[in-house]
PDB file of all heavy atoms in Angstrom:
ATOM      1  N   ARG A   1      72.588   8.711  82.539  1.00  0.00           N
ATOM      2  CA  ARG A   1      71.433   8.684  83.212  1.00  0.00           C
ATOM      3  C   ARG A   1      70.778  10.124  83.459  1.00  0.00           C
ATOM      4  O   ARG A   1      69.629  10.354  83.356  1.00  0.00           O
ATOM      5  CB  ARG A   1      71.648   8.116  84.676  1.00  0.00           C
ATOM      6  CG  ARG A   1      71.843   6.519  84.633  1.00  0.00           C
ATOM      7  CD  ARG A   1      72.023   5.924  86.025  1.00  0.00           C
ATOM      8  NE  ARG A   1      70.804   5.995  86.769  1.00  0.00           N
ATOM      9  CZ  ARG A   1      70.514   5.267  87.895  1.00  0.00           C
ATOM     10  NH1 ARG A   1      71.439   4.657  88.397  1.00  0.00           N
ATOM     11  NH2 ARG A   1      69.379   5.298  88.504  1.00  0.00           N
ATOM     12  N   ILE A   2      71.683  11.100  83.739  1.00  0.00           N
ATOM     13  CA  ILE A   2      71.312  12.384  84.002  1.00  0.00           C
ATOM     14  C   ILE A   2      70.674  13.052  82.705  1.00  0.00           C
ATOM     15  O   ILE A   2      69.672  13.706  82.726  1.00  0.00           O
ATOM     16  CB  ILE A   2      72.380  13.295  84.694  1.00  0.00           C
ATOM     17  CG1 ILE A   2      72.715  12.688  86.142  1.00  0.00           C
ATOM     18  CG2 ILE A   2      72.154  14.755  84.673  1.00  0.00           C
ATOM     19  CD1 ILE A   2      73.921  13.437  86.832  1.00  0.00           C
ATOM     20  N   LEU A   3      71.490  12.908  81.659  1.00  0.00           N
ATOM     21  CA  LEU A   3      70.973  13.522  80.467  1.00  0.00           C
ATOM     22  C   LEU A   3      69.722  12.877  79.892  1.00  0.00           C
ATOM     23  O   LEU A   3      68.821  13.548  79.305  1.00  0.00           O
ATOM     24  CB  LEU A   3      72.135  13.446  79.294  1.00  0.00           C
ATOM     25  CG  LEU A   3      73.433  14.220  79.578  1.00  0.00           C
ATOM     26  CD1 LEU A   3      74.443  14.011  78.608  1.00  0.00           C
ATOM     27  CD2 LEU A   3      73.110  15.814  79.662  1.00  0.00           C
ATOM     28  N   ALA A   4      69.635  11.526  80.149  1.00  0.00           N
ATOM     29  CA  ALA A   4      68.344  10.903  79.622  1.00  0.00           C
ATOM     30  C   ALA A   4      67.207  11.411  80.353  1.00  0.00           C
ATOM     31  O   ALA A   4      66.007  11.512  79.779  1.00  0.00           O
ATOM     32  CB  ALA A   4      68.515   9.371  79.851  1.00  0.00           C
ATOM     33  N   TYR A   5      67.418  11.533  81.788  1.00  0.00           N
ATOM     34  CA  TYR A   5      66.274  12.081  82.513  1.00  0.00           C
ATOM     35  C   TYR A   5      65.865  13.522  82.057  1.00  0.00           C
ATOM     36  O   TYR A   5      64.639  13.683  81.738  1.00  0.00           O
ATOM     37  CB  TYR A   5      66.665  12.150  83.975  1.00  0.00           C
ATOM     38  CG  TYR A   5      65.534  12.869  84.876  1.00  0.00           C
ATOM     39  CD1 TYR A   5      64.518  12.130  85.325  1.00  0.00           C
ATOM     40  CD2 TYR A   5      65.644  14.295  85.016  1.00  0.00           C
ATOM     41  CE1 TYR A   5      63.462  12.784  85.927  1.00  0.00           C
ATOM     42  CE2 TYR A   5      64.567  14.896  85.704  1.00  0.00           C
ATOM     43  CZ  TYR A   5      63.591  14.151  86.237  1.00  0.00           C
ATOM     44  OH  TYR A   5      62.541  14.812  86.895  1.00  0.00           O
ATOM     45  N   PHE A   6      66.756  14.366  81.768  1.00  0.00           N
ATOM     46  CA  PHE A   6      66.419  15.638  81.261  1.00  0.00           C
ATOM     47  C   PHE A   6      65.814  15.647  79.890  1.00  0.00           C
ATOM     48  O   PHE A   6      64.800  16.387  79.742  1.00  0.00           O
ATOM     49  CB  PHE A   6      67.745  16.599  81.335  1.00  0.00           C
ATOM     50  CG  PHE A   6      68.144  17.125  82.737  1.00  0.00           C
ATOM     51  CD1 PHE A   6      69.375  16.994  83.077  1.00  0.00           C
ATOM     52  CD2 PHE A   6      67.179  17.607  83.515  1.00  0.00           C
ATOM     53  CE1 PHE A   6      69.837  17.403  84.406  1.00  0.00           C
ATOM     54  CE2 PHE A   6      67.733  18.228  84.833  1.00  0.00           C
ATOM     55  CZ  PHE A   6      68.897  18.067  85.276  1.00  0.00           C
ATOM     56  N   ALA A   7      66.317  14.959  79.085  1.00  0.00           N
ATOM     57  CA  ALA A   7      65.862  14.869  77.768  1.00  0.00           C
ATOM     58  C   ALA A   7      64.402  14.348  77.629  1.00  0.00           C
ATOM     59  O   ALA A   7      63.493  14.843  76.940  1.00  0.00           O
ATOM     60  CB  ALA A   7      66.607  14.036  76.844  1.00  0.00           C
ATOM     61  N   ALA A   8      64.026  13.466  78.585  1.00  0.00           N
ATOM     62  CA  ALA A   8      62.635  12.883  78.607  1.00  0.00           C
ATOM     63  C   ALA A   8      61.764  13.790  79.309  1.00  0.00           C
ATOM     64  O   ALA A   8      60.609  13.917  79.025  1.00  0.00           O
ATOM     65  CB  ALA A   8      62.744  11.489  79.422  1.00  0.00           C
ATOM     66  N   ASN A   9      62.239  14.466  80.340  1.00  0.00           N
ATOM     67  CA  ASN A   9      61.368  15.239  81.158  1.00  0.00           C
ATOM     68  C   ASN A   9      61.346  16.772  80.972  1.00  0.00           C
ATOM     69  O   ASN A   9      60.518  17.477  81.286  1.00  0.00           O
ATOM     70  CB  ASN A   9      61.622  15.045  82.727  1.00  0.00           C
ATOM     71  CG  ASN A   9      61.258  13.630  83.097  1.00  0.00           C
ATOM     72  OD1 ASN A   9      60.188  13.244  83.419  1.00  0.00           O
ATOM     73  ND2 ASN A   9      62.320  12.668  83.117  1.00  0.00           N
ATOM     74  N   GLN A  10      62.425  17.270  80.280  1.00  0.00           N
ATOM     75  CA  GLN A  10      62.549  18.725  79.990  1.00  0.00           C
ATOM     76  C   GLN A  10      62.930  18.877  78.567  1.00  0.00           C
ATOM     77  O   GLN A  10      63.945  19.495  78.200  1.00  0.00           O
ATOM     78  CB  GLN A  10      63.392  19.462  80.892  1.00  0.00           C
ATOM     79  CG  GLN A  10      62.973  19.351  82.444  1.00  0.00           C
ATOM     80  CD  GLN A  10      64.054  20.048  83.334  1.00  0.00           C
ATOM     81  OE1 GLN A  10      64.561  21.033  82.946  1.00  0.00           O
ATOM     82  NE2 GLN A  10      64.078  19.484  84.488  1.00  0.00           N
ATOM     83  N   PRO A  11      62.212  18.237  77.505  1.00  0.00           N
ATOM     84  CA  PRO A  11      62.696  18.346  76.210  1.00  0.00           C
ATOM     85  C   PRO A  11      62.673  19.725  75.522  1.00  0.00           C
ATOM     86  O   PRO A  11      63.555  20.108  74.680  1.00  0.00           O
ATOM     87  CB  PRO A  11      61.698  17.427  75.342  1.00  0.00           C
ATOM     88  CG  PRO A  11      60.466  17.629  76.380  1.00  0.00           C
ATOM     89  CD  PRO A  11      60.816  17.597  77.733  1.00  0.00           C
ATOM     90  N   MET A  12      61.875  20.683  76.105  1.00  0.00           N
ATOM     91  CA  MET A  12      61.780  22.041  75.618  1.00  0.00           C
ATOM     92  C   MET A  12      62.240  22.799  76.706  1.00  0.00           C
ATOM     93  O   MET A  12      61.525  23.213  77.621  1.00  0.00           O
ATOM     94  CB  MET A  12      60.374  22.362  75.110  1.00  0.00           C
ATOM     95  CG  MET A  12      59.866  21.430  74.059  1.00  0.00           C
ATOM     96  SD  MET A  12      60.646  21.574  72.554  1.00  0.00           S
ATOM     97  CE  MET A  12      60.284  23.191  71.979  1.00  0.00           C
ATOM     98  N   VAL A  13      63.429  23.493  76.619  1.00  0.00           N
ATOM     99  CA  VAL A  13      64.030  24.199  77.755  1.00  0.00           C
ATOM    100  C   VAL A  13      64.786  25.364  77.042  1.00  0.00           C
ATOM    101  O   VAL A  13      65.466  25.200  75.982  1.00  0.00           O
ATOM    102  CB  VAL A  13      64.985  23.422  78.637  1.00  0.00           C
ATOM    103  CG1 VAL A  13      66.129  22.724  77.883  1.00  0.00           C
ATOM    104  CG2 VAL A  13      65.444  24.132  79.797  1.00  0.00           C
ATOM    105  N   THR A  14      64.861  26.492  77.766  1.00  0.00           N
ATOM    106  CA  THR A  14      65.594  27.721  77.162  1.00  0.00           C
ATOM    107  C   THR A  14      65.730  28.649  78.404  1.00  0.00           C
ATOM    108  O   THR A  14      65.222  28.363  79.548  1.00  0.00           O
ATOM    109  CB  THR A  14      64.802  28.378  76.061  1.00  0.00           C
ATOM    110  OG1 THR A  14      65.639  29.447  75.461  1.00  0.00           O
ATOM    111  CG2 THR A  14      63.548  29.023  76.466  1.00  0.00           C
ATOM    112  N   THR A  15      66.348  29.775  78.048  1.00  0.00           N
ATOM    113  CA  THR A  15      66.507  30.752  79.195  1.00  0.00           C
ATOM    114  C   THR A  15      65.165  31.297  79.658  1.00  0.00           C
ATOM    115  O   THR A  15      64.269  31.339  78.838  1.00  0.00           O
ATOM    116  CB  THR A  15      67.430  31.913  78.705  1.00  0.00           C
ATOM    117  OG1 THR A  15      67.603  32.927  79.626  1.00  0.00           O
ATOM    118  CG2 THR A  15      66.800  32.584  77.462  1.00  0.00           C
ATOM    119  N   GLU A  16      65.199  31.710  80.963  1.00  0.00           N
ATOM    120  CA  GLU A  16      64.002  32.374  81.441  1.00  0.00           C
ATOM    121  C   GLU A  16      64.091  33.871  81.185  1.00  0.00           C
ATOM    122  O   GLU A  16      63.034  34.567  81.720  1.00  0.00           O
ATOM    123  CB  GLU A  16      63.944  32.064  83.005  1.00  0.00           C
ATOM    124  CG  GLU A  16      63.604  30.529  83.185  1.00  0.00           C
ATOM    125  CD  GLU A  16      63.484  30.240  84.672  1.00  0.00           C
ATOM    126  OE1 GLU A  16      64.176  30.804  85.455  1.00  0.00           O
ATOM    127  OE2 GLU A  16      62.582  29.484  85.099  1.00  0.00           O
ATOM    128  N   LEU A  17      65.098  34.355  80.769  1.00  0.00           N
ATOM    129  CA  LEU A  17      65.094  35.830  80.381  1.00  0.00           C
ATOM    130  C   LEU A  17      64.159  36.111  79.245  1.00  0.00           C
ATOM    131  O   LEU A  17      64.065  35.381  78.298  1.00  0.00           O
ATOM    132  CB  LEU A  17      66.578  36.193  79.991  1.00  0.00           C
ATOM    133  CG  LEU A  17      67.683  36.157  81.070  1.00  0.00           C
ATOM    134  CD1 LEU A  17      68.992  36.393  80.518  1.00  0.00           C
ATOM    135  CD2 LEU A  17      67.377  37.311  82.180  1.00  0.00           C
ATOM    136  N   GLN A  18      63.643  37.193  79.073  1.00  0.00           N
ATOM    137  CA  GLN A  18      62.631  37.744  78.120  1.00  0.00           C
ATOM    138  C   GLN A  18      63.446  38.655  77.273  1.00  0.00           C
ATOM    139  O   GLN A  18      63.909  39.624  77.697  1.00  0.00           O
ATOM    140  CB  GLN A  18      61.374  38.283  78.756  1.00  0.00           C
ATOM    141  CG  GLN A  18      60.559  37.275  79.577  1.00  0.00           C
ATOM    142  CD  GLN A  18      59.528  37.998  80.423  1.00  0.00           C
ATOM    143  OE1 GLN A  18      59.273  39.126  80.409  1.00  0.00           O
ATOM    144  NE2 GLN A  18      58.861  37.125  81.213  1.00  0.00           N
ATOM    145  N   PHE A  19      63.252  38.475  75.883  1.00  0.00           N
ATOM    146  CA  PHE A  19      63.887  39.292  74.894  1.00  0.00           C
ATOM    147  C   PHE A  19      63.216  39.147  73.520  1.00  0.00           C
ATOM    148  O   PHE A  19      62.510  38.159  73.368  1.00  0.00           O
ATOM    149  CB  PHE A  19      65.323  38.901  74.851  1.00  0.00           C
ATOM    150  CG  PHE A  19      65.566  37.378  74.467  1.00  0.00           C
ATOM    151  CD1 PHE A  19      65.734  37.072  73.151  1.00  0.00           C
ATOM    152  CD2 PHE A  19      65.623  36.393  75.425  1.00  0.00           C
ATOM    153  CE1 PHE A  19      65.957  35.827  72.837  1.00  0.00           C
ATOM    154  CE2 PHE A  19      65.743  35.133  75.034  1.00  0.00           C
ATOM    155  CZ  PHE A  19      65.953  34.648  73.800  1.00  0.00           C
ATOM    156  N   GLY A  20      63.522  40.111  72.663  1.00  0.00           N
ATOM    157  CA  GLY A  20      62.882  39.922  71.351  1.00  0.00           C
ATOM    158  C   GLY A  20      63.930  40.049  70.154  1.00  0.00           C
ATOM    159  O   GLY A  20      63.562  40.101  69.036  1.00  0.00           O
ATOM    160  N   SER A  21      65.171  40.102  70.562  1.00  0.00           N
ATOM    161  CA  SER A  21      66.165  40.183  69.571  1.00  0.00           C
ATOM    162  C   SER A  21      67.619  39.782  70.124  1.00  0.00           C
ATOM    163  O   SER A  21      67.703  39.681  71.358  1.00  0.00           O
ATOM    164  CB  SER A  21      66.429  41.680  69.008  1.00  0.00           C
ATOM    165  OG  SER A  21      66.866  42.491  70.031  1.00  0.00           O
ATOM    166  N   ALA A  22      68.498  39.589  69.311  1.00  0.00           N
ATOM    167  CA  ALA A  22      69.861  39.131  69.791  1.00  0.00           C
ATOM    168  C   ALA A  22      70.515  40.287  70.713  1.00  0.00           C
ATOM    169  O   ALA A  22      71.038  40.120  71.693  1.00  0.00           O
ATOM    170  CB  ALA A  22      70.909  38.877  68.589  1.00  0.00           C
ATOM    171  N   PHE A  23      70.195  41.629  70.277  1.00  0.00           N
ATOM    172  CA  PHE A  23      70.746  42.639  71.113  1.00  0.00           C
ATOM    173  C   PHE A  23      70.089  42.631  72.423  1.00  0.00           C
ATOM    174  O   PHE A  23      70.718  42.938  73.527  1.00  0.00           O
ATOM    175  CB  PHE A  23      70.410  43.994  70.392  1.00  0.00           C
ATOM    176  CG  PHE A  23      70.670  45.289  71.302  1.00  0.00           C
ATOM    177  CD1 PHE A  23      71.977  45.619  71.529  1.00  0.00           C
ATOM    178  CD2 PHE A  23      69.479  45.920  71.962  1.00  0.00           C
ATOM    179  CE1 PHE A  23      72.230  46.713  72.525  1.00  0.00           C
ATOM    180  CE2 PHE A  23      69.841  47.062  72.597  1.00  0.00           C
ATOM    181  CZ  PHE A  23      71.144  47.460  72.883  1.00  0.00           C
ATOM    182  N   GLN A  24      68.688  42.318  72.624  1.00  0.00           N
ATOM    183  CA  GLN A  24      68.014  42.381  73.726  1.00  0.00           C
ATOM    184  C   GLN A  24      68.435  41.211  74.672  1.00  0.00           C
ATOM    185  O   GLN A  24      68.522  41.319  75.833  1.00  0.00           O
ATOM    186  CB  GLN A  24      66.494  42.426  73.510  1.00  0.00           C
ATOM    187  CG  GLN A  24      66.018  43.770  72.964  1.00  0.00           C
ATOM    188  CD  GLN A  24      64.571  43.782  72.770  1.00  0.00           C
ATOM    189  OE1 GLN A  24      63.787  42.832  73.061  1.00  0.00           O
ATOM    190  NE2 GLN A  24      64.030  44.775  72.161  1.00  0.00           N
ATOM    191  N   LEU A  25      68.740  40.069  73.965  1.00  0.00           N
ATOM    192  CA  LEU A  25      69.178  39.008  74.803  1.00  0.00           C
ATOM    193  C   LEU A  25      70.655  39.294  75.385  1.00  0.00           C
ATOM    194  O   LEU A  25      70.851  39.017  76.644  1.00  0.00           O
ATOM    195  CB  LEU A  25      69.354  37.767  73.951  1.00  0.00           C
ATOM    196  CG  LEU A  25      70.083  36.503  74.538  1.00  0.00           C
ATOM    197  CD1 LEU A  25      69.226  36.020  75.747  1.00  0.00           C
ATOM    198  CD2 LEU A  25      70.224  35.379  73.465  1.00  0.00           C
ATOM    199  N   LEU A  26      71.397  39.899  74.594  1.00  0.00           N
ATOM    200  CA  LEU A  26      72.810  40.393  75.110  1.00  0.00           C
ATOM    201  C   LEU A  26      72.623  41.234  76.277  1.00  0.00           C
ATOM    202  O   LEU A  26      73.333  41.152  77.330  1.00  0.00           O
ATOM    203  CB  LEU A  26      73.551  41.020  73.884  1.00  0.00           C
ATOM    204  CG  LEU A  26      74.992  41.371  74.249  1.00  0.00           C
ATOM    205  CD1 LEU A  26      75.698  40.460  74.961  1.00  0.00           C
ATOM    206  CD2 LEU A  26      75.572  42.116  73.063  1.00  0.00           C
ATOM    207  N   VAL A  27      71.752  42.275  76.175  1.00  0.00           N
ATOM    208  CA  VAL A  27      71.617  43.179  77.243  1.00  0.00           C
ATOM    209  C   VAL A  27      70.980  42.588  78.502  1.00  0.00           C
ATOM    210  O   VAL A  27      71.523  42.613  79.648  1.00  0.00           O
ATOM    211  CB  VAL A  27      70.483  44.435  76.751  1.00  0.00           C
ATOM    212  CG1 VAL A  27      70.065  45.246  77.986  1.00  0.00           C
ATOM    213  CG2 VAL A  27      71.183  45.197  75.740  1.00  0.00           C
ATOM    214  N   ALA A  28      70.006  41.665  78.379  1.00  0.00           N
ATOM    215  CA  ALA A  28      69.486  40.985  79.529  1.00  0.00           C
ATOM    216  C   ALA A  28      70.493  39.984  80.159  1.00  0.00           C
ATOM    217  O   ALA A  28      70.487  39.928  81.415  1.00  0.00           O
ATOM    218  CB  ALA A  28      68.315  40.045  79.109  1.00  0.00           C
ATOM    219  N   THR A  29      71.325  39.399  79.356  1.00  0.00           N
ATOM    220  CA  THR A  29      72.465  38.460  79.880  1.00  0.00           C
ATOM    221  C   THR A  29      73.419  39.381  80.626  1.00  0.00           C
ATOM    222  O   THR A  29      73.823  38.846  81.806  1.00  0.00           O
ATOM    223  CB  THR A  29      73.031  37.721  78.801  1.00  0.00           C
ATOM    224  OG1 THR A  29      71.970  37.008  78.042  1.00  0.00           O
ATOM    225  CG2 THR A  29      73.998  36.702  79.307  1.00  0.00           C
ATOM    226  N   LEU A  30      73.830  40.505  80.156  1.00  0.00           N
ATOM    227  CA  LEU A  30      74.720  41.303  80.823  1.00  0.00           C
ATOM    228  C   LEU A  30      74.191  41.811  82.193  1.00  0.00           C
ATOM    229  O   LEU A  30      74.839  41.754  83.203  1.00  0.00           O
ATOM    230  CB  LEU A  30      75.043  42.504  79.970  1.00  0.00           C
ATOM    231  CG  LEU A  30      76.074  42.279  78.853  1.00  0.00           C
ATOM    232  CD1 LEU A  30      76.293  43.475  78.021  1.00  0.00           C
ATOM    233  CD2 LEU A  30      77.425  41.931  79.480  1.00  0.00           C
ATOM    234  N   LEU A  31      72.869  42.113  82.208  1.00  0.00           N
ATOM    235  CA  LEU A  31      72.198  42.559  83.344  1.00  0.00           C
ATOM    236  C   LEU A  31      71.962  41.463  84.328  1.00  0.00           C
ATOM    237  O   LEU A  31      72.010  41.748  85.682  1.00  0.00           O
ATOM    238  CB  LEU A  31      70.853  43.118  83.027  1.00  0.00           C
ATOM    239  CG  LEU A  31      70.787  44.555  82.373  1.00  0.00           C
ATOM    240  CD1 LEU A  31      69.324  44.897  81.896  1.00  0.00           C
ATOM    241  CD2 LEU A  31      71.345  45.682  83.212  1.00  0.00           C
ATOM    242  N   SER A  32      71.847  40.232  83.977  1.00  0.00           N
ATOM    243  CA  SER A  32      71.630  39.127  84.892  1.00  0.00           C
ATOM    244  C   SER A  32      72.791  38.570  85.683  1.00  0.00           C
ATOM    245  O   SER A  32      72.544  37.799  86.622  1.00  0.00           O
ATOM    246  CB  SER A  32      71.120  37.908  84.100  1.00  0.00           C
ATOM    247  OG  SER A  32      72.173  37.300  83.256  1.00  0.00           O
ATOM    248  N   ALA A  33      74.062  39.171  85.394  1.00  0.00           N
ATOM    249  CA  ALA A  33      75.094  38.850  86.240  1.00  0.00           C
ATOM    250  C   ALA A  33      74.905  39.103  87.734  1.00  0.00           C
ATOM    251  O   ALA A  33      74.600  40.306  88.132  1.00  0.00           O
ATOM    252  CB  ALA A  33      76.389  39.461  85.744  1.00  0.00           C
ATOM    253  N   GLN A  34      74.950  38.092  88.657  1.00  0.00           N
ATOM    254  CA  GLN A  34      74.692  38.330  89.976  1.00  0.00           C
ATOM    255  C   GLN A  34      73.398  38.848  90.384  1.00  0.00           C
ATOM    256  O   GLN A  34      73.297  39.738  91.322  1.00  0.00           O
ATOM    257  CB  GLN A  34      75.878  39.034  90.628  1.00  0.00           C
ATOM    258  CG  GLN A  34      77.199  38.398  90.554  1.00  0.00           C
ATOM    259  CD  GLN A  34      78.319  39.043  91.235  1.00  0.00           C
ATOM    260  OE1 GLN A  34      78.149  39.457  92.442  1.00  0.00           O
ATOM    261  NE2 GLN A  34      79.533  39.312  90.559  1.00  0.00           N
ATOM    262  N   CYS A  35      72.428  38.589  89.565  1.00  0.00           N
ATOM    263  CA  CYS A  35      71.044  39.055  89.714  1.00  0.00           C
ATOM    264  C   CYS A  35      70.079  38.028  89.166  1.00  0.00           C
ATOM    265  O   CYS A  35      70.472  37.192  88.308  1.00  0.00           O
ATOM    266  CB  CYS A  35      70.879  40.410  88.937  1.00  0.00           C
ATOM    267  SG  CYS A  35      69.384  41.386  89.448  1.00  0.00           S
ATOM    268  N   THR A  36      68.816  37.985  89.810  1.00  0.00           N
ATOM    269  CA  THR A  36      67.974  37.027  89.371  1.00  0.00           C
ATOM    270  C   THR A  36      67.290  37.282  87.974  1.00  0.00           C
ATOM    271  O   THR A  36      66.999  38.418  87.690  1.00  0.00           O
ATOM    272  CB  THR A  36      66.782  36.906  90.422  1.00  0.00           C
ATOM    273  OG1 THR A  36      66.022  38.022  90.414  1.00  0.00           O
ATOM    274  CG2 THR A  36      67.478  36.547  91.696  1.00  0.00           C
ATOM    275  N   ASP A  37      66.868  36.298  87.272  1.00  0.00           N
ATOM    276  CA  ASP A  37      66.168  36.522  85.986  1.00  0.00           C
ATOM    277  C   ASP A  37      64.916  37.140  86.236  1.00  0.00           C
ATOM    278  O   ASP A  37      64.405  38.067  85.424  1.00  0.00           O
ATOM    279  CB  ASP A  37      65.960  35.126  85.190  1.00  0.00           C
ATOM    280  CG  ASP A  37      67.162  34.557  84.690  1.00  0.00           C
ATOM    281  OD1 ASP A  37      68.342  35.282  84.670  1.00  0.00           O
ATOM    282  OD2 ASP A  37      67.243  33.512  84.027  1.00  0.00           O
TER     283      ASP A  37
END
């Protein structure tokens, strides 16, 4: 029930962090620990 709801209502979902490369995603993810996106 839960997965069906999400799949129907949020089919396109990803991180709210902003980045332009794998390195930048890694940096942003490290920074996000105990901090808001």
